[in-house]
Amino acid sequence: MTAFSHPFFRALPPVPTLAIAHRGGAGVSPENTLFAFTEAVTKHEVHMLELDVQATRDGVLVIAHDDDVDRCTEGRGLVASFDHVELLRLDAAHRFTLDAGASFPERGKGHRIPRLRELLDALPKTPLNIELKPAAAAYAAAFVDELKHAGALERVCIGSEDDALGLRLVELAPEACHFYARDALIAAVFALKSGNDAPVLDDSRVQVLDMPLQWEGMRLVDPAFLAAARARGRWVNVWTVDDEAELARCVAEGIPGVMTDRPDRLASLLGPKPANSAK
């Protein structure tokens, strides 16, 4: 099975560039909340959602990027130090602002840190790019089981920044789409840019390069890189692009997927979503 014949890719809309809401669109909505994800799909018409999964002290899989709750809520402490019921008491939009802290438009409106299961149920057809955070490594099997229980394995691309955890997910869910972990990604990018081969490019179990558009001032992705990736059957999603001119360039170059905190800007560039796209 080649990468682009995987069911995950066959279900994607037939557009040159996918709009992927990074954490649900953190620049326009309180990140990693059901409100943000729903707004991204219904209002900004994104094609895919990007999100992160952590685990609570009692083993509930929740959607949060940081290991702690400090940056987004009024609480303090590691996600893993809270029982799920305790986590529900926190306001996930407490620190969300659009004007550098002059106001907090979604504070006190009931936004909570959601369970992964809630999103899978709320948007049962939306493609998802999900990173299991290393802090939740002990729950890798439970994570895969939850995706299976929801019938979601064919509409998710999963992985982790941690290479050992990424490999564990491949072993637990070989039928799923997977993205490269950190060290494997570095090796794959170097090989594609240099024209050399690398063992990571021979592993058909991993199909997606979720990668930064730029690194230390250098733009990593250009038409030559995209051609090399496509020739090796690898899909490229870049993160995190919010600048309007850069978004326009990504679309013009046909980068397959663009993760952005500003889905509103990307939506205006891409135009209306195909009428048959699923939500």
Protein backbone atom coordinates (compact mmCIF):
# COMPACT_ATOMS: atom_id res chain seq x y z
CA MET A 1 0.00 0.00 0.00
CA THR A 2 1.49 3.37 -1.02
CA ALA A 3 1.10 6.36 1.25
CA PHE A 4 -1.48 8.16 -0.87
CA SER A 5 -3.68 5.08 -1.20
CA HIS A 6 -4.15 4.97 2.58
CA PRO A 7 -7.84 5.45 3.51
CA PHE A 8 -6.92 8.65 5.39
CA PHE A 9 -5.81 10.36 2.19
CA ARG A 10 -8.64 9.01 0.06
CA ALA A 11 -11.14 10.64 2.43
CA LEU A 12 -9.56 14.11 2.21
CA PRO A 13 -11.28 16.74 0.07
CA PRO A 14 -9.87 17.20 -3.44
CA VAL A 15 -8.20 20.58 -2.86
CA PRO A 16 -4.59 21.62 -3.62
CA THR A 17 -3.99 22.77 -0.04
CA LEU A 18 -5.72 21.65 3.14
CA ALA A 19 -6.59 24.25 5.76
CA ILE A 20 -5.65 22.73 9.12
CA ALA A 21 -6.73 24.57 12.27
CA HIS A 22 -3.77 24.42 14.67
CA ARG A 23 -5.19 23.66 18.13
CA GLY A 24 -8.53 24.55 16.62
CA GLY A 25 -7.35 28.01 15.53
CA ALA A 26 -5.58 29.41 18.57
CA GLY A 27 -5.39 32.90 17.09
CA VAL A 28 -9.15 33.34 16.88
CA SER A 29 -10.60 31.00 19.54
CA PRO A 30 -9.55 29.57 22.92
CA GLU A 31 -7.22 26.78 21.85
CA ASN A 32 -8.04 23.08 22.08
CA THR A 33 -11.65 23.66 23.15
CA LEU A 34 -14.77 22.22 21.58
CA PHE A 35 -15.82 25.79 20.83
CA ALA A 36 -12.62 26.38 18.85
CA PHE A 37 -12.89 23.10 16.94
CA THR A 38 -16.54 23.67 16.05
CA GLU A 39 -15.91 27.26 14.97
CA ALA A 40 -12.99 26.15 12.82
CA VAL A 41 -15.12 23.60 10.97
CA THR A 42 -18.43 25.45 10.71
CA LYS A 43 -17.36 29.09 10.48
CA HIS A 44 -13.91 28.93 8.88
CA GLU A 45 -14.57 25.72 6.92
CA VAL A 46 -11.22 24.11 7.62
CA HIS A 47 -10.52 20.69 6.16
CA MET A 48 -8.74 19.25 9.21
CA LEU A 49 -8.13 19.90 12.89
CA GLU A 50 -4.79 19.62 14.69
CA LEU A 51 -4.81 18.83 18.40
CA ASP A 52 -2.80 17.44 21.29
CA VAL A 53 -3.72 14.81 23.87
CA GLN A 54 -2.66 14.55 27.50
CA ALA A 55 -3.88 12.27 30.31
CA THR A 56 -5.30 13.18 33.71
CA ARG A 57 -4.29 11.54 36.98
CA ASP A 58 -7.19 9.11 36.66
CA GLY A 59 -6.31 8.21 33.07
CA VAL A 60 -8.84 10.29 31.14
CA LEU A 61 -7.55 11.41 27.75
CA VAL A 62 -8.07 15.14 27.34
CA ILE A 63 -7.19 17.70 24.69
CA ALA A 64 -4.41 20.05 25.81
CA HIS A 65 -1.09 21.09 24.36
CA ASP A 66 0.91 21.96 27.47
CA ASP A 67 1.87 19.51 30.19
CA ASP A 68 0.42 22.02 32.68
CA VAL A 69 -2.73 24.12 32.80
CA ASP A 70 -1.02 27.42 33.67
CA ARG A 71 -0.98 29.18 30.29
CA CYS A 72 -4.63 28.76 29.30
CA THR A 73 -6.60 28.46 32.55
CA GLU A 74 -6.75 30.12 35.97
CA GLY A 75 -5.31 26.94 37.48
CA ARG A 76 -1.79 25.84 38.25
CA GLY A 77 -0.15 22.44 37.93
CA LEU A 78 0.40 19.53 35.59
CA VAL A 79 -2.55 18.10 33.69
CA ALA A 80 -1.49 14.72 35.08
CA SER A 81 -1.87 16.04 38.64
CA PHE A 82 -5.63 16.61 38.22
CA ASP A 83 -8.45 14.11 38.27
CA HIS A 84 -10.79 14.69 35.34
CA VAL A 85 -13.53 16.08 37.60
CA GLU A 86 -11.05 18.58 39.03
CA LEU A 87 -9.95 19.61 35.55
CA LEU A 88 -13.54 20.35 34.59
CA ARG A 89 -13.65 23.12 37.19
CA LEU A 90 -11.08 25.14 35.26
CA ASP A 91 -11.94 27.76 32.64
CA ALA A 92 -10.12 26.75 29.45
CA ALA A 93 -10.65 30.25 28.00
CA HIS A 94 -9.58 32.18 31.10
CA ARG A 95 -6.45 33.65 29.50
CA PHE A 96 -7.62 33.81 25.87
CA THR A 97 -7.26 37.33 24.50
CA LEU A 98 -7.32 38.98 21.09
CA ASP A 99 -5.92 42.33 22.24
CA ALA A 100 -2.80 41.53 24.27
CA GLY A 101 -4.67 41.18 27.53
CA ALA A 102 -6.93 44.24 27.41
CA SER A 103 -9.95 41.93 27.39
CA PHE A 104 -10.79 38.24 27.68
CA PRO A 105 -13.87 37.75 25.49
CA GLU A 106 -14.55 34.06 26.23
CA ARG A 107 -13.73 34.05 29.95
CA GLY A 108 -16.49 32.65 32.15
CA LYS A 109 -18.54 31.25 29.25
CA GLY A 110 -18.20 27.62 30.25
CA HIS A 111 -15.33 26.53 28.03
CA ARG A 112 -13.67 23.47 29.52
CA ILE A 113 -10.70 21.26 28.69
CA PRO A 114 -12.48 18.58 26.62
CA ARG A 115 -12.07 14.86 26.58
CA LEU A 116 -10.80 13.38 23.33
CA ARG A 117 -13.98 11.33 23.20
CA GLU A 118 -16.09 14.50 23.17
CA LEU A 119 -14.43 15.78 20.02
CA LEU A 120 -14.63 12.41 18.29
CA ASP A 121 -18.37 12.37 19.00
CA ALA A 122 -19.01 16.04 18.21
CA LEU A 123 -17.32 16.04 14.79
CA PRO A 124 -17.56 12.41 13.67
CA LYS A 125 -16.40 12.94 10.07
CA THR A 126 -13.75 15.65 10.39
CA PRO A 127 -10.15 14.53 9.67
CA LEU A 128 -7.87 14.97 12.67
CA ASN A 129 -4.14 15.30 13.14
CA ILE A 130 -3.47 14.19 16.74
CA GLU A 131 -0.27 14.34 18.73
CA LEU A 132 -0.08 12.17 21.83
CA LYS A 133 2.17 14.05 24.22
CA PRO A 134 5.10 12.21 25.82
CA ALA A 135 3.64 12.89 29.28
CA ALA A 136 0.76 10.57 28.31
CA ALA A 137 2.98 7.78 26.95
CA ALA A 138 1.63 5.28 29.49
CA TYR A 139 -1.79 5.67 27.88
CA ALA A 140 -0.78 4.89 24.29
CA ALA A 141 -2.85 1.72 24.19
CA ALA A 142 -5.84 3.49 25.72
CA PHE A 143 -5.46 6.28 23.14
CA VAL A 144 -5.56 3.81 20.26
CA ASP A 145 -8.47 1.93 21.84
CA GLU A 146 -10.45 5.17 22.12
CA LEU A 147 -9.91 5.91 18.44
CA LYS A 148 -10.96 2.38 17.53
CA HIS A 149 -14.05 2.56 19.74
CA ALA A 150 -15.09 5.77 17.97
CA GLY A 151 -14.47 4.23 14.55
CA ALA A 152 -12.01 7.04 13.90
CA LEU A 153 -8.80 5.27 12.86
CA GLU A 154 -9.34 5.93 9.16
CA ARG A 155 -9.83 9.68 9.65
CA VAL A 156 -6.90 10.42 11.93
CA CYS A 157 -3.20 10.91 11.43
CA ILE A 158 -1.48 10.20 14.73
CA GLY A 159 1.97 10.39 16.25
CA SER A 160 4.16 11.95 18.88
CA GLU A 161 7.19 14.20 19.05
CA ASP A 162 8.91 11.46 21.03
CA ASP A 163 10.38 8.81 18.73
CA ALA A 164 9.86 5.87 21.08
CA LEU A 165 6.22 6.82 21.61
CA GLY A 166 5.71 7.38 17.89
CA LEU A 167 7.03 3.88 17.18
CA ARG A 168 4.79 2.46 19.89
CA LEU A 169 1.76 4.02 18.20
CA VAL A 170 2.80 2.50 14.86
CA GLU A 171 2.98 -0.91 16.53
CA LEU A 172 -0.38 -0.48 18.27
CA ALA A 173 -2.20 0.88 15.21
CA PRO A 174 -0.37 -0.17 12.03
CA GLU A 175 -3.56 0.42 10.05
CA ALA A 176 -3.64 4.12 10.95
CA CYS A 177 -1.95 7.03 9.22
CA HIS A 178 1.14 8.19 11.14
CA PHE A 179 3.39 11.23 11.12
CA TYR A 180 7.11 11.24 11.80
CA ALA A 181 8.43 11.81 15.31
CA ARG A 182 11.18 14.35 15.93
CA ASP A 183 14.42 12.50 15.18
CA ALA A 184 12.90 10.49 12.34
CA LEU A 185 11.51 13.73 10.87
CA ILE A 186 14.93 15.38 10.96
CA ALA A 187 16.45 12.39 9.15
CA ALA A 188 13.66 12.35 6.55
CA VAL A 189 13.86 16.09 5.88
CA PHE A 190 17.64 15.98 5.55
CA ALA A 191 17.44 13.05 3.14
CA LEU A 192 14.78 14.69 0.98
CA LYS A 193 16.61 18.02 0.81
CA SER A 194 20.01 16.45 0.08
CA GLY A 195 18.73 13.91 -2.43
CA ASN A 196 20.16 11.07 -0.38
CA ASP A 197 18.34 7.99 0.84
CA ALA A 198 17.55 7.19 4.46
CA PRO A 199 15.97 4.17 6.17
CA VAL A 200 13.10 6.31 7.45
CA LEU A 201 11.98 6.88 3.86
CA ASP A 202 11.72 3.15 3.30
CA ASP A 203 9.25 2.66 6.17
CA SER A 204 5.81 2.74 4.55
CA ARG A 205 4.12 2.66 7.95
CA VAL A 206 4.78 6.39 8.39
CA GLN A 207 3.35 8.62 5.69
CA VAL A 208 3.27 12.25 6.85
CA LEU A 209 5.84 14.94 7.53
CA ASP A 210 4.34 17.39 10.01
CA MET A 211 7.14 19.92 9.96
CA PRO A 212 7.96 23.58 10.50
CA LEU A 213 7.85 25.74 7.40
CA GLN A 214 10.95 27.54 8.64
CA TRP A 215 13.77 26.61 10.98
CA GLU A 216 16.28 29.11 12.37
CA GLY A 217 15.51 31.58 9.61
CA MET A 218 15.67 29.06 6.77
CA ARG A 219 12.58 28.12 4.81
CA LEU A 220 12.59 24.32 4.74
CA VAL A 221 9.78 23.71 2.27
CA ASP A 222 9.96 24.77 -1.36
CA PRO A 223 8.74 23.28 -4.66
CA ALA A 224 11.84 21.08 -4.99
CA PHE A 225 11.33 19.65 -1.52
CA LEU A 226 7.64 19.02 -2.20
CA ALA A 227 8.51 17.20 -5.44
CA ALA A 228 11.03 15.02 -3.62
CA ALA A 229 8.54 14.22 -0.87
CA ARG A 230 5.83 13.33 -3.36
CA ALA A 231 8.23 11.11 -5.30
CA ARG A 232 8.80 9.15 -2.09
CA GLY A 233 5.07 9.02 -1.32
CA ARG A 234 5.23 11.41 1.61
CA TRP A 235 2.60 13.98 2.48
CA VAL A 236 3.75 17.36 3.87
CA ASN A 237 1.92 19.50 6.43
CA VAL A 238 3.69 22.68 7.57
CA TRP A 239 3.28 24.53 10.83
CA THR A 240 2.48 27.10 12.09
CA VAL A 241 1.79 29.73 9.41
CA ASP A 242 -0.23 32.84 10.30
CA ASP A 243 1.26 35.61 8.16
CA GLU A 244 -1.05 36.43 5.25
CA ALA A 245 1.71 36.76 2.66
CA GLU A 246 3.30 33.49 3.73
CA LEU A 247 -0.07 31.75 3.73
CA ALA A 248 -0.63 32.98 0.17
CA ARG A 249 2.79 31.65 -0.84
CA CYS A 250 2.06 28.25 0.71
CA VAL A 251 -1.18 28.03 -1.25
CA ALA A 252 0.50 29.16 -4.49
CA GLU A 253 3.20 26.51 -4.07
CA GLY A 254 0.60 23.81 -3.45
CA ILE A 255 1.85 22.74 -0.05
CA PRO A 256 -0.51 19.83 0.75
CA GLY A 257 -1.47 20.95 4.26
CA VAL A 258 -1.00 24.20 6.19
CA MET A 259 -1.48 24.36 9.95
CA THR A 260 -2.48 27.80 11.12
CA ASP A 261 -3.70 29.63 14.20
CA ARG A 262 -5.56 31.95 11.80
CA PRO A 263 -7.99 29.75 9.86
CA ASP A 264 -9.95 32.88 9.00
CA ARG A 265 -7.05 34.18 6.92
CA LEU A 266 -6.40 30.88 5.21
CA ALA A 267 -10.11 30.39 4.48
CA SER A 268 -10.24 33.71 2.64
CA LEU A 269 -7.38 32.57 0.41
CA LEU A 270 -8.79 29.12 -0.34
CA GLY A 271 -12.36 30.16 -1.07
CA PRO A 272 -15.53 28.14 -0.34
CA LYS A 273 -15.20 24.60 0.89
CA PRO A 274 -16.37 21.88 -1.55
CA ALA A 275 -20.08 21.27 -1.09
CA ASN A 276 -19.61 17.54 -0.41
CA SER A 277 -17.00 18.03 2.36
CA ALA A 278 -17.91 16.22 5.56
CA LYS A 279 -18.14 17.74 9.01
